[in-house]
Each structure stands twice: as structure tokens, then as C-alpha cells.
């Protein structure tokens, strides 16, 4: 009786669902709400409000930008977006996925303007100035530069900078390498600084300081393992701090973690540990994947309510 499908009009499943409009009730579902609902369903949670955190590459948001680092107050039937990563343009659209240097260099440009060429780290030395000039013109002209609040793309950008890896063969390849480095670091490492900016009823996570301090560590010849671990710890700290702010307002104590970025075991453990220390109840995927393979379960759970 009901067909639930993703908001993104270019998904094959969405196109198929829309072709069935004469027979079924059609229910568009937001990608990250479906991620969180899938984890709620797997953990047999009842239909009550929780803090849902969905970190992934990209999924179409209600505002027609690409989301991917989302904090919701939600149950199965409704969601309220309460916090997200700062929007940045993906210059060249999907090309930024396989060329993560584009994400890294844009963050450096935001922070240092064209002076980033003077930073003197290996990543900068290998940037083709002519290619950057073309990307900068695209950004200024707002040509093929969709906005994204994506944690997956933030991981890509930091990984490209730390590993000096401009291109990848598949999505998240650089981020996976960064996770391996972080997992091999055994000592403690403090997180990098970041801002939480309040805009109306929304909290915006600004990682500009992260890039500044990563550059400082690289210039100081800190080990890549330590830099990678500090970055993972920073993202976990972002999660904890936003959850504390939301709990202070709502008294909601249950946190649900889903989305492809949480396939990263270092991040999942660090995040869960920090939340447990603050006495949150934390739910993550145990039997199913946190990736898009669980989206259909989330859509079905949403459609059931």
C-alpha cells in the first residue's frame, strides 16, 4: 500500500517509485532520517524522540543542499534538524569525491585566502596552481559548486591534506587510510579546536581551527598517526558537545549513531566512549551496516508510522 523512497530525484529507486504513482501511496523520506530510523529499528527502539546523528557522504536535504553531518531530534514519524557541519561548496560536484584535494584546498583558501601557498607543507607544494585557478573561478562564479554539510567530505579533505593524497580510486579511500593511521596510535592525544556557532535555532559546527592546527602539526613534523588520531578525537568531541547542548534543552538522553562514516571503528569507539562518560544511552548498528545498505529498513520503519 505504501512506497517509501529517497528524496533524491536521480536515484533509480526513486524514479521507479514515482513510476508506480497510480497504485500506491508514495512517501518521500529524507536520507539521514532513514539512516537513523534503521538503527532505531535494529535496536527495537519505540517511537519516542531521540538524538539522532547521521554522518555520511551526501544525501539530499530538505533545503536542496547536500547533507551529511546531521544532528536530529527525531522519532520514526518526524525529525527536526538541530545541528550540522558548516556548508562548504563541492567544487566540481561529484569530482570532489574522487579528488579530495579540492575539499582540502577550499578549506585552506577559506582560512588563509591565497596565502595558503606559503604554508610550506607537502600537500601545498604539490598543488597545481593552474588547476586551483580554474577551481577558484568556478567557486567565484558559483558554477557546479553544490553546498554540502558532509562529514564524509570533511574526512576526505583532512585525509588528503595529512596523507598528501590528491586523488582516490573509490569513495572514502583516503578516509579509510586515515582511520588505519589513527588506529595505530597508542598514546593519548588532545582534540583540535573547533567552533559551535548558534544561528537562530541551529548549531553550526565550524572546523576551520581543525585545519589550522593540522597545518601546525604537519609543519612541526608531528607523526601522521598522531594527527590522524587527534582528528578522530576531535570529531568525537564534536558529537559529545552537541549532544550535551541538546540534552540540556530537551532532557533527551538516548543517542542513535548511523551513516556510512560510522563504519569507521576508531570514530565509533571514541564517540561512544565519550557519550558513555556523560551517561548517555548510545545505540549503534551491531548486526546491520551503518551504510546505505540499511536505508531501506529505515524507510520501511518510517512508512510504518
C-alpha atoms as a PDB file:
ATOM      1  CA  UNK A   1       0.000   0.000   0.000  1.00  0.00           C
ATOM      2  CA  UNK A   2       2.890   2.392   0.680  1.00  0.00           C
ATOM      3  CA  UNK A   3       6.090   3.021  -1.260  1.00  0.00           C
ATOM      4  CA  UNK A   4       8.783   4.880   0.678  1.00  0.00           C
ATOM      5  CA  UNK A   5      11.632   6.313  -1.340  1.00  0.00           C
ATOM      6  CA  UNK A   6      14.549   8.741  -1.050  1.00  0.00           C
ATOM      7  CA  UNK A   7      14.095  12.463  -1.690  1.00  0.00           C
ATOM      8  CA  UNK A   8      16.896  12.486  -4.282  1.00  0.00           C
ATOM      9  CA  UNK A   9      15.173  12.574  -7.700  1.00  0.00           C
ATOM     10  CA  UNK A  10      18.085  10.903  -9.516  1.00  0.00           C
ATOM     11  CA  UNK A  11      18.140   7.678  -7.502  1.00  0.00           C
ATOM     12  CA  UNK A  12      16.985   4.748  -9.611  1.00  0.00           C
ATOM     13  CA  UNK A  13      14.819   3.546  -6.734  1.00  0.00           C
ATOM     14  CA  UNK A  14      13.144   6.960  -6.558  1.00  0.00           C
ATOM     15  CA  UNK A  15      12.467   7.023 -10.288  1.00  0.00           C
ATOM     16  CA  UNK A  16      10.978   3.539 -10.048  1.00  0.00           C
ATOM     17  CA  UNK A  17       8.799   4.505  -7.071  1.00  0.00           C
ATOM     18  CA  UNK A  18       7.460   7.550  -8.885  1.00  0.00           C
ATOM     19  CA  UNK A  19       6.535   5.399 -11.877  1.00  0.00           C
ATOM     20  CA  UNK A  20       4.086   3.484  -9.625  1.00  0.00           C
ATOM     21  CA  UNK A  21       2.019   6.531  -8.619  1.00  0.00           C
ATOM     22  CA  UNK A  22      -1.304   5.113  -9.798  1.00  0.00           C
ATOM     23  CA  UNK A  23      -1.273   2.133  -7.428  1.00  0.00           C
ATOM     24  CA  UNK A  24       0.393   3.144  -4.157  1.00  0.00           C
ATOM     25  CA  UNK A  25       0.631   5.888  -1.554  1.00  0.00           C
ATOM     26  CA  UNK A  26       4.055   7.472  -2.140  1.00  0.00           C
ATOM     27  CA  UNK A  27       6.114   8.610   0.848  1.00  0.00           C
ATOM     28  CA  UNK A  28       9.341  10.560   0.211  1.00  0.00           C
ATOM     29  CA  UNK A  29      11.821  10.094   3.059  1.00  0.00           C
ATOM     30  CA  UNK A  30      14.875  12.142   3.926  1.00  0.00           C
ATOM     31  CA  UNK A  31      18.088  10.126   3.585  1.00  0.00           C
ATOM     32  CA  UNK A  32      19.518  10.808   7.036  1.00  0.00           C
ATOM     33  CA  UNK A  33      16.222  10.343   8.821  1.00  0.00           C
ATOM     34  CA  UNK A  34      16.142   6.907   7.185  1.00  0.00           C
ATOM     35  CA  UNK A  35      19.677   6.189   8.421  1.00  0.00           C
ATOM     36  CA  UNK A  36      18.685   6.957  11.998  1.00  0.00           C
ATOM     37  CA  UNK A  37      15.378   5.088  11.725  1.00  0.00           C
ATOM     38  CA  UNK A  38      17.241   1.995  10.501  1.00  0.00           C
ATOM     39  CA  UNK A  39      19.378   1.979  13.643  1.00  0.00           C
ATOM     40  CA  UNK A  40      16.338   2.611  15.834  1.00  0.00           C
ATOM     41  CA  UNK A  41      14.555  -0.336  14.207  1.00  0.00           C
ATOM     42  CA  UNK A  42      17.546  -2.646  14.546  1.00  0.00           C
ATOM     43  CA  UNK A  43      17.752  -1.797  18.249  1.00  0.00           C
ATOM     44  CA  UNK A  44      13.965  -2.220  18.671  1.00  0.00           C
ATOM     45  CA  UNK A  45      13.502   1.325  19.946  1.00  0.00           C
ATOM     46  CA  UNK A  46       9.971   2.560  20.475  1.00  0.00           C
ATOM     47  CA  UNK A  47       8.562   5.608  18.688  1.00  0.00           C
ATOM     48  CA  UNK A  48       9.878   8.256  21.073  1.00  0.00           C
ATOM     49  CA  UNK A  49      12.210  11.178  20.435  1.00  0.00           C
ATOM     50  CA  UNK A  50      15.925  10.522  20.457  1.00  0.00           C
ATOM     51  CA  UNK A  51      19.045  12.435  19.428  1.00  0.00           C
ATOM     52  CA  UNK A  52      19.914  11.018  16.031  1.00  0.00           C
ATOM     53  CA  UNK A  53      23.337  11.554  14.474  1.00  0.00           C
ATOM     54  CA  UNK A  54      23.799  10.683  10.804  1.00  0.00           C
ATOM     55  CA  UNK A  55      27.298  11.062   9.346  1.00  0.00           C
ATOM     56  CA  UNK A  56      27.903  10.013   5.735  1.00  0.00           C
ATOM     57  CA  UNK A  57      28.990  11.248   2.320  1.00  0.00           C
ATOM     58  CA  UNK A  58      25.981  13.092   0.966  1.00  0.00           C
ATOM     59  CA  UNK A  59      22.209  12.824   0.928  1.00  0.00           C
ATOM     60  CA  UNK A  60      19.708  15.349  -0.348  1.00  0.00           C
ATOM     61  CA  UNK A  61      18.401  17.658   2.360  1.00  0.00           C
ATOM     62  CA  UNK A  62      15.115  19.497   2.742  1.00  0.00           C
ATOM     63  CA  UNK A  63      16.797  22.730   1.634  1.00  0.00           C
ATOM     64  CA  UNK A  64      18.096  21.102  -1.593  1.00  0.00           C
ATOM     65  CA  UNK A  65      21.700  21.186  -0.394  1.00  0.00           C
ATOM     66  CA  UNK A  66      23.660  18.014   0.316  1.00  0.00           C
ATOM     67  CA  UNK A  67      23.580  16.959   3.952  1.00  0.00           C
ATOM     68  CA  UNK A  68      25.956  14.526   5.619  1.00  0.00           C
ATOM     69  CA  UNK A  69      26.761  15.608   9.198  1.00  0.00           C
ATOM     70  CA  UNK A  70      23.352  15.877  10.811  1.00  0.00           C
ATOM     71  CA  UNK A  71      22.039  16.054  14.365  1.00  0.00           C
ATOM     72  CA  UNK A  72      18.294  15.431  14.606  1.00  0.00           C
ATOM     73  CA  UNK A  73      15.724  15.297  17.344  1.00  0.00           C
ATOM     74  CA  UNK A  74      13.505  12.630  15.888  1.00  0.00           C
ATOM     75  CA  UNK A  75      11.298   9.606  16.180  1.00  0.00           C
ATOM     76  CA  UNK A  76      10.097   7.425  13.309  1.00  0.00           C
ATOM     77  CA  UNK A  77       7.485   9.861  12.093  1.00  0.00           C
ATOM     78  CA  UNK A  78       9.174  13.281  12.422  1.00  0.00           C
ATOM     79  CA  UNK A  79      12.593  14.884  12.601  1.00  0.00           C
ATOM     80  CA  UNK A  80      13.952  18.298  13.499  1.00  0.00           C
ATOM     81  CA  UNK A  81      17.412  19.266  12.277  1.00  0.00           C
ATOM     82  CA  UNK A  82      19.199  20.871  15.226  1.00  0.00           C
ATOM     83  CA  UNK A  83      22.887  20.948  14.232  1.00  0.00           C
ATOM     84  CA  UNK A  84      25.106  20.296  11.241  1.00  0.00           C
ATOM     85  CA  UNK A  85      28.594  20.818   9.868  1.00  0.00           C
ATOM     86  CA  UNK A  86      29.257  24.147   8.174  1.00  0.00           C
ATOM     87  CA  UNK A  87      28.296  24.175   4.495  1.00  0.00           C
ATOM     88  CA  UNK A  88      31.149  24.270   2.000  1.00  0.00           C
ATOM     89  CA  UNK A  89      30.955  24.015  -1.797  1.00  0.00           C
ATOM     90  CA  UNK A  90      31.999  20.813  -3.509  1.00  0.00           C
ATOM     91  CA  UNK A  91      33.831  22.382  -6.420  1.00  0.00           C
ATOM     92  CA  UNK A  92      33.056  20.328  -9.486  1.00  0.00           C
ATOM     93  CA  UNK A  93      30.310  18.386  -7.732  1.00  0.00           C
ATOM     94  CA  UNK A  94      30.990  14.642  -7.676  1.00  0.00           C
ATOM     95  CA  UNK A  95      34.559  15.211  -8.917  1.00  0.00           C
ATOM     96  CA  UNK A  96      35.347  16.315  -5.352  1.00  0.00           C
ATOM     97  CA  UNK A  97      34.686  12.741  -4.167  1.00  0.00           C
ATOM     98  CA  UNK A  98      37.499  11.226  -6.240  1.00  0.00           C
ATOM     99  CA  UNK A  99      39.696  14.328  -5.996  1.00  0.00           C
ATOM    100  CA  UNK A 100      39.552  15.129  -2.270  1.00  0.00           C
ATOM    101  CA  UNK A 101      42.329  17.717  -2.606  1.00  0.00           C
ATOM    102  CA  UNK A 102      39.547  20.029  -3.824  1.00  0.00           C
ATOM    103  CA  UNK A 103      37.879  19.872  -0.407  1.00  0.00           C
ATOM    104  CA  UNK A 104      41.143  20.377   1.472  1.00  0.00           C
ATOM    105  CA  UNK A 105      42.321  23.280  -0.656  1.00  0.00           C
ATOM    106  CA  UNK A 106      38.987  25.075  -0.372  1.00  0.00           C
ATOM    107  CA  UNK A 107      39.139  24.953   3.431  1.00  0.00           C
ATOM    108  CA  UNK A 108      42.680  26.335   3.303  1.00  0.00           C
ATOM    109  CA  UNK A 109      41.518  29.068   0.943  1.00  0.00           C
ATOM    110  CA  UNK A 110      38.673  29.962   3.347  1.00  0.00           C
ATOM    111  CA  UNK A 111      41.169  30.324   6.186  1.00  0.00           C
ATOM    112  CA  UNK A 112      44.258  31.797   4.526  1.00  0.00           C
ATOM    113  CA  UNK A 113      42.987  33.098   1.166  1.00  0.00           C
ATOM    114  CA  UNK A 114      45.722  32.761  -1.484  1.00  0.00           C
ATOM    115  CA  UNK A 115      48.397  32.937   1.222  1.00  0.00           C
ATOM    116  CA  UNK A 116      47.895  29.199   1.780  1.00  0.00           C
ATOM    117  CA  UNK A 117      50.530  28.650  -0.916  1.00  0.00           C
ATOM    118  CA  UNK A 118      53.108  29.926   1.604  1.00  0.00           C
ATOM    119  CA  UNK A 119      52.308  27.313   4.270  1.00  0.00           C
ATOM    120  CA  UNK A 120      55.154  25.043   3.214  1.00  0.00           C
ATOM    121  CA  UNK A 121      53.652  21.586   3.813  1.00  0.00           C
ATOM    122  CA  UNK A 122      53.966  18.763   1.293  1.00  0.00           C
ATOM    123  CA  UNK A 123      50.302  18.899   0.297  1.00  0.00           C
ATOM    124  CA  UNK A 124      50.623  22.564  -0.704  1.00  0.00           C
ATOM    125  CA  UNK A 125      53.845  22.033  -2.636  1.00  0.00           C
ATOM    126  CA  UNK A 126      52.112  19.543  -4.922  1.00  0.00           C
ATOM    127  CA  UNK A 127      49.097  21.692  -5.795  1.00  0.00           C
ATOM    128  CA  UNK A 128      48.884  22.648  -9.446  1.00  0.00           C
ATOM    129  CA  UNK A 129      48.341  26.424  -9.335  1.00  0.00           C
ATOM    130  CA  UNK A 130      46.693  26.445 -12.748  1.00  0.00           C
ATOM    131  CA  UNK A 131      44.156  23.840 -11.642  1.00  0.00           C
ATOM    132  CA  UNK A 132      43.472  25.793  -8.466  1.00  0.00           C
ATOM    133  CA  UNK A 133      42.959  28.942 -10.532  1.00  0.00           C
ATOM    134  CA  UNK A 134      40.234  27.154 -12.520  1.00  0.00           C
ATOM    135  CA  UNK A 135      38.549  25.869  -9.348  1.00  0.00           C
ATOM    136  CA  UNK A 136      38.678  29.312  -7.772  1.00  0.00           C
ATOM    137  CA  UNK A 137      36.962  30.808 -10.825  1.00  0.00           C
ATOM    138  CA  UNK A 138      34.275  28.121 -10.599  1.00  0.00           C
ATOM    139  CA  UNK A 139      33.732  28.997  -6.937  1.00  0.00           C
ATOM    140  CA  UNK A 140      33.547  32.747  -7.591  1.00  0.00           C
ATOM    141  CA  UNK A 141      31.087  32.159 -10.443  1.00  0.00           C
ATOM    142  CA  UNK A 142      29.146  29.623  -8.349  1.00  0.00           C
ATOM    143  CA  UNK A 143      29.401  27.163 -11.237  1.00  0.00           C
ATOM    144  CA  UNK A 144      28.875  23.479 -10.345  1.00  0.00           C
ATOM    145  CA  UNK A 145      29.615  24.103  -6.668  1.00  0.00           C
ATOM    146  CA  UNK A 146      26.793  22.420  -4.705  1.00  0.00           C
ATOM    147  CA  UNK A 147      26.834  23.143  -0.992  1.00  0.00           C
ATOM    148  CA  UNK A 148      27.404  20.221   1.368  1.00  0.00           C
ATOM    149  CA  UNK A 149      27.447  19.723   5.142  1.00  0.00           C
ATOM    150  CA  UNK A 150      29.181  16.375   4.798  1.00  0.00           C
ATOM    151  CA  UNK A 151      31.275  14.621   7.433  1.00  0.00           C
ATOM    152  CA  UNK A 152      32.466  12.167   4.786  1.00  0.00           C
ATOM    153  CA  UNK A 153      33.840  15.036   2.717  1.00  0.00           C
ATOM    154  CA  UNK A 154      35.457  16.580   5.825  1.00  0.00           C
ATOM    155  CA  UNK A 155      37.252  13.278   6.444  1.00  0.00           C
ATOM    156  CA  UNK A 156      38.301  13.253   2.779  1.00  0.00           C
ATOM    157  CA  UNK A 157      39.681  16.769   2.986  1.00  0.00           C
ATOM    158  CA  UNK A 158      41.687  16.191   6.165  1.00  0.00           C
ATOM    159  CA  UNK A 159      42.932  12.835   4.867  1.00  0.00           C
ATOM    160  CA  UNK A 160      44.046  14.393   1.585  1.00  0.00           C
ATOM    161  CA  UNK A 161      45.947  17.083   3.498  1.00  0.00           C
ATOM    162  CA  UNK A 162      47.599  14.726   6.003  1.00  0.00           C
ATOM    163  CA  UNK A 163      48.402  11.917   3.570  1.00  0.00           C
ATOM    164  CA  UNK A 164      49.264  14.244   0.664  1.00  0.00           C
ATOM    165  CA  UNK A 165      46.806  12.220  -1.401  1.00  0.00           C
ATOM    166  CA  UNK A 166      45.117  14.348  -4.067  1.00  0.00           C
ATOM    167  CA  UNK A 167      43.135  11.572  -5.773  1.00  0.00           C
ATOM    168  CA  UNK A 168      41.449   8.318  -4.784  1.00  0.00           C
ATOM    169  CA  UNK A 169      40.170   5.313  -6.701  1.00  0.00           C
ATOM    170  CA  UNK A 170      36.929   4.949  -4.732  1.00  0.00           C
ATOM    171  CA  UNK A 171      34.860   6.971  -2.290  1.00  0.00           C
ATOM    172  CA  UNK A 172      36.388   7.261   1.219  1.00  0.00           C
ATOM    173  CA  UNK A 173      39.669   5.581   0.233  1.00  0.00           C
ATOM    174  CA  UNK A 174      41.721   8.377   1.827  1.00  0.00           C
ATOM    175  CA  UNK A 175      39.478   8.431   4.912  1.00  0.00           C
ATOM    176  CA  UNK A 176      39.978   4.676   5.374  1.00  0.00           C
ATOM    177  CA  UNK A 177      43.749   5.174   5.247  1.00  0.00           C
ATOM    178  CA  UNK A 178      43.430   7.950   7.841  1.00  0.00           C
ATOM    179  CA  UNK A 179      41.468   5.593  10.110  1.00  0.00           C
ATOM    180  CA  UNK A 180      44.240   2.986   9.834  1.00  0.00           C
ATOM    181  CA  UNK A 181      46.807   5.567  10.900  1.00  0.00           C
ATOM    182  CA  UNK A 182      44.639   6.646  13.839  1.00  0.00           C
ATOM    183  CA  UNK A 183      44.118   3.044  14.969  1.00  0.00           C
ATOM    184  CA  UNK A 184      47.883   2.519  15.191  1.00  0.00           C
ATOM    185  CA  UNK A 185      48.399   5.483  17.522  1.00  0.00           C
ATOM    186  CA  UNK A 186      48.530   4.265  21.112  1.00  0.00           C
ATOM    187  CA  UNK A 187      49.211   7.414  23.157  1.00  0.00           C
ATOM    188  CA  UNK A 188      46.650   9.970  24.230  1.00  0.00           C
ATOM    189  CA  UNK A 189      46.040  12.973  22.009  1.00  0.00           C
ATOM    190  CA  UNK A 190      44.015  16.075  22.754  1.00  0.00           C
ATOM    191  CA  UNK A 191      41.419  17.105  20.201  1.00  0.00           C
ATOM    192  CA  UNK A 192      41.816  20.066  17.883  1.00  0.00           C
ATOM    193  CA  UNK A 193      39.798  23.208  18.486  1.00  0.00           C
ATOM    194  CA  UNK A 194      36.539  23.884  16.661  1.00  0.00           C
ATOM    195  CA  UNK A 195      33.653  26.327  16.904  1.00  0.00           C
ATOM    196  CA  UNK A 196      29.983  25.736  17.563  1.00  0.00           C
ATOM    197  CA  UNK A 197      28.083  28.730  16.186  1.00  0.00           C
ATOM    198  CA  UNK A 198      24.439  29.370  17.034  1.00  0.00           C
ATOM    199  CA  UNK A 199      22.338  30.639  14.130  1.00  0.00           C
ATOM    200  CA  UNK A 200      18.683  31.110  15.101  1.00  0.00           C
ATOM    201  CA  UNK A 201      17.639  27.624  16.265  1.00  0.00           C
ATOM    202  CA  UNK A 202      20.550  25.823  14.595  1.00  0.00           C
ATOM    203  CA  UNK A 203      24.035  24.877  15.826  1.00  0.00           C
ATOM    204  CA  UNK A 204      26.744  25.055  13.149  1.00  0.00           C
ATOM    205  CA  UNK A 205      29.986  23.117  13.583  1.00  0.00           C
ATOM    206  CA  UNK A 206      32.874  25.081  12.086  1.00  0.00           C
ATOM    207  CA  UNK A 207      36.092  23.020  11.721  1.00  0.00           C
ATOM    208  CA  UNK A 208      38.247  25.912  10.495  1.00  0.00           C
ATOM    209  CA  UNK A 209      40.522  25.679  13.535  1.00  0.00           C
ATOM    210  CA  UNK A 210      40.970  21.957  12.819  1.00  0.00           C
ATOM    211  CA  UNK A 211      42.663  22.730   9.514  1.00  0.00           C
ATOM    212  CA  UNK A 212      44.793  25.448  11.123  1.00  0.00           C
ATOM    213  CA  UNK A 213      46.033  23.100  13.830  1.00  0.00           C
ATOM    214  CA  UNK A 214      46.561  20.180  11.446  1.00  0.00           C
ATOM    215  CA  UNK A 215      48.790  22.506   9.396  1.00  0.00           C
ATOM    216  CA  UNK A 216      50.683  23.448  12.579  1.00  0.00           C
ATOM    217  CA  UNK A 217      51.199  19.780  13.457  1.00  0.00           C
ATOM    218  CA  UNK A 218      52.397  18.944   9.953  1.00  0.00           C
ATOM    219  CA  UNK A 219      54.838  21.882   9.973  1.00  0.00           C
ATOM    220  CA  UNK A 220      56.092  20.724  13.381  1.00  0.00           C
ATOM    221  CA  UNK A 221      56.723  17.254  11.888  1.00  0.00           C
ATOM    222  CA  UNK A 222      54.271  15.527  14.224  1.00  0.00           C
ATOM    223  CA  UNK A 223      53.639  11.925  13.233  1.00  0.00           C
ATOM    224  CA  UNK A 224      50.793  11.355  10.804  1.00  0.00           C
ATOM    225  CA  UNK A 225      49.452   8.736  13.211  1.00  0.00           C
ATOM    226  CA  UNK A 226      49.081  11.348  15.948  1.00  0.00           C
ATOM    227  CA  UNK A 227      47.482  13.888  13.597  1.00  0.00           C
ATOM    228  CA  UNK A 228      45.023  11.254  12.389  1.00  0.00           C
ATOM    229  CA  UNK A 229      44.126  10.255  15.946  1.00  0.00           C
ATOM    230  CA  UNK A 230      43.672  13.870  17.043  1.00  0.00           C
ATOM    231  CA  UNK A 231      41.292  14.469  14.157  1.00  0.00           C
ATOM    232  CA  UNK A 232      39.191  11.413  15.015  1.00  0.00           C
ATOM    233  CA  UNK A 233      39.132  12.512  18.651  1.00  0.00           C
ATOM    234  CA  UNK A 234      38.007  15.982  17.532  1.00  0.00           C
ATOM    235  CA  UNK A 235      35.002  14.625  15.623  1.00  0.00           C
ATOM    236  CA  UNK A 236      34.053  12.506  18.652  1.00  0.00           C
ATOM    237  CA  UNK A 237      34.333  15.622  20.817  1.00  0.00           C
ATOM    238  CA  UNK A 238      32.037  17.482  18.389  1.00  0.00           C
ATOM    239  CA  UNK A 239      29.455  14.739  18.856  1.00  0.00           C
ATOM    240  CA  UNK A 240      29.707  14.859  22.634  1.00  0.00           C
ATOM    241  CA  UNK A 241      29.458  18.637  22.895  1.00  0.00           C
ATOM    242  CA  UNK A 242      26.442  18.931  20.596  1.00  0.00           C
ATOM    243  CA  UNK A 243      24.685  16.083  22.409  1.00  0.00           C
ATOM    244  CA  UNK A 244      25.280  17.793  25.761  1.00  0.00           C
ATOM    245  CA  UNK A 245      23.796  21.038  24.410  1.00  0.00           C
ATOM    246  CA  UNK A 246      20.753  19.200  23.049  1.00  0.00           C
ATOM    247  CA  UNK A 247      20.244  17.207  26.242  1.00  0.00           C
ATOM    248  CA  UNK A 248      20.419  20.374  28.343  1.00  0.00           C
ATOM    249  CA  UNK A 249      17.487  21.761  26.337  1.00  0.00           C
ATOM    250  CA  UNK A 250      15.396  18.645  25.851  1.00  0.00           C
ATOM    251  CA  UNK A 251      16.389  16.169  28.600  1.00  0.00           C
ATOM    252  CA  UNK A 252      16.657  13.512  25.874  1.00  0.00           C
ATOM    253  CA  UNK A 253      19.334  11.013  26.857  1.00  0.00           C
ATOM    254  CA  UNK A 254      19.241   8.451  24.021  1.00  0.00           C
ATOM    255  CA  UNK A 255      21.694   8.887  21.140  1.00  0.00           C
ATOM    256  CA  UNK A 256      21.478   6.905  17.893  1.00  0.00           C
ATOM    257  CA  UNK A 257      24.515   6.759  15.565  1.00  0.00           C
ATOM    258  CA  UNK A 258      24.183   5.826  11.899  1.00  0.00           C
ATOM    259  CA  UNK A 259      25.529   6.620   8.437  1.00  0.00           C
ATOM    260  CA  UNK A 260      28.487   5.333   6.475  1.00  0.00           C
ATOM    261  CA  UNK A 261      31.088   7.349   8.401  1.00  0.00           C
ATOM    262  CA  UNK A 262      30.315   5.237  11.471  1.00  0.00           C
ATOM    263  CA  UNK A 263      31.799   2.233   9.689  1.00  0.00           C
ATOM    264  CA  UNK A 264      34.972   3.876  10.993  1.00  0.00           C
ATOM    265  CA  UNK A 265      35.615   1.817  14.134  1.00  0.00           C
ATOM    266  CA  UNK A 266      38.022   4.344  15.657  1.00  0.00           C
ATOM    267  CA  UNK A 267      35.443   7.111  15.441  1.00  0.00           C
ATOM    268  CA  UNK A 268      32.603   4.866  16.629  1.00  0.00           C
ATOM    269  CA  UNK A 269      34.537   3.764  19.732  1.00  0.00           C
ATOM    270  CA  UNK A 270      35.813   7.239  20.613  1.00  0.00           C
ATOM    271  CA  UNK A 271      32.333   8.743  20.175  1.00  0.00           C
ATOM    272  CA  UNK A 272      30.592   6.013  22.144  1.00  0.00           C
ATOM    273  CA  UNK A 273      33.141   6.200  24.981  1.00  0.00           C
ATOM    274  CA  UNK A 274      32.798   9.981  25.320  1.00  0.00           C
ATOM    275  CA  UNK A 275      29.000   9.713  25.318  1.00  0.00           C
ATOM    276  CA  UNK A 276      29.027   6.888  27.872  1.00  0.00           C
ATOM    277  CA  UNK A 277      31.207   9.028  30.130  1.00  0.00           C
ATOM    278  CA  UNK A 278      28.417  11.623  30.070  1.00  0.00           C
ATOM    279  CA  UNK A 279      25.834   8.929  30.909  1.00  0.00           C
ATOM    280  CA  UNK A 280      24.101   8.896  27.530  1.00  0.00           C
ATOM    281  CA  UNK A 281      22.424   5.729  26.291  1.00  0.00           C
ATOM    282  CA  UNK A 282      24.111   5.024  22.952  1.00  0.00           C
ATOM    283  CA  UNK A 283      22.712   2.898  20.122  1.00  0.00           C
ATOM    284  CA  UNK A 284      24.632   1.865  17.013  1.00  0.00           C
ATOM    285  CA  UNK A 285      24.442  -0.870  14.409  1.00  0.00           C
ATOM    286  CA  UNK A 286      25.515  -4.337  15.569  1.00  0.00           C
ATOM    287  CA  UNK A 287      24.017  -6.770  13.024  1.00  0.00           C
ATOM    288  CA  UNK A 288      23.459  -4.435  10.095  1.00  0.00           C
ATOM    289  CA  UNK A 289      25.780  -1.991   8.407  1.00  0.00           C
ATOM    290  CA  UNK A 290      25.594   1.728   9.132  1.00  0.00           C
ATOM    291  CA  UNK A 291      25.990   2.294   5.380  1.00  0.00           C
ATOM    292  CA  UNK A 292      23.287   2.871   2.764  1.00  0.00           C
ATOM    293  CA  UNK A 293      22.556  -0.865   2.661  1.00  0.00           C
ATOM    294  CA  UNK A 294      20.336  -0.279   5.727  1.00  0.00           C
ATOM    295  CA  UNK A 295      18.450   2.689   4.256  1.00  0.00           C
ATOM    296  CA  UNK A 296      15.541   0.541   3.040  1.00  0.00           C
ATOM    297  CA  UNK A 297      14.917  -0.706   6.592  1.00  0.00           C
ATOM    298  CA  UNK A 298      14.811   2.898   7.810  1.00  0.00           C
ATOM    299  CA  UNK A 299      12.403   3.894   5.055  1.00  0.00           C
ATOM    300  CA  UNK A 300      10.135   0.976   5.925  1.00  0.00           C
ATOM    301  CA  UNK A 301      10.215   1.886   9.623  1.00  0.00           C
ATOM    302  CA  UNK A 302       9.289   5.497   8.797  1.00  0.00           C
ATOM    303  CA  UNK A 303       6.490   4.386   6.464  1.00  0.00           C
ATOM    304  CA  UNK A 304       5.088   2.170   9.237  1.00  0.00           C
ATOM    305  CA  UNK A 305       4.326   5.286  11.300  1.00  0.00           C
END
